[in-house]
Amino acid sequence: MADGAEPADAGKTPWWGQGVGTTMPAFPSLPIMSFLVPNWRSFQNVSPGAEAASFSRCCRFSLGTLEVDCDPATRSFALTEQEQPGMWRWAIINDHGGVLLAGSASTQVEAKKVANEALYHG
């Protein structure tokens, strides 16, 4: 940062100071960790390359409906894709492309919920 320059967020109230009765988090200096919140990405938003190739190899039904969420701690990822109307496949894939867990659900929301639980909470 140049001498005399202020950070872009200078003068702004930190997120934990918003609203009456809001308490400061236990670790205010730590950023909100993205791995605690599902970060589902559609296949169309994944940059071309090795990551996209890994995801597409695990797709069985539709790249158009494929969505993924990665867990950097385990190097595994969750995927959901539509098998047919009213049927969504979910799977947990390890860093070698092996399917660790798989199942299906009647909605994408339900499939993501189950996959997220399996990915982050085993």
Foldseek 3Di string as FASTA:
>chain_A
DDPPDDPPCPPPDDPQPPDPPRDQDPCNVDDDDCLVPWDKDQLVPDDDDDVSVLQVVLDDADSRAWIKTADPVQQKIKIWGARDQQKIKIFIAGNVGDTPDIDIGRDPVVRVVVRSCVRPVD
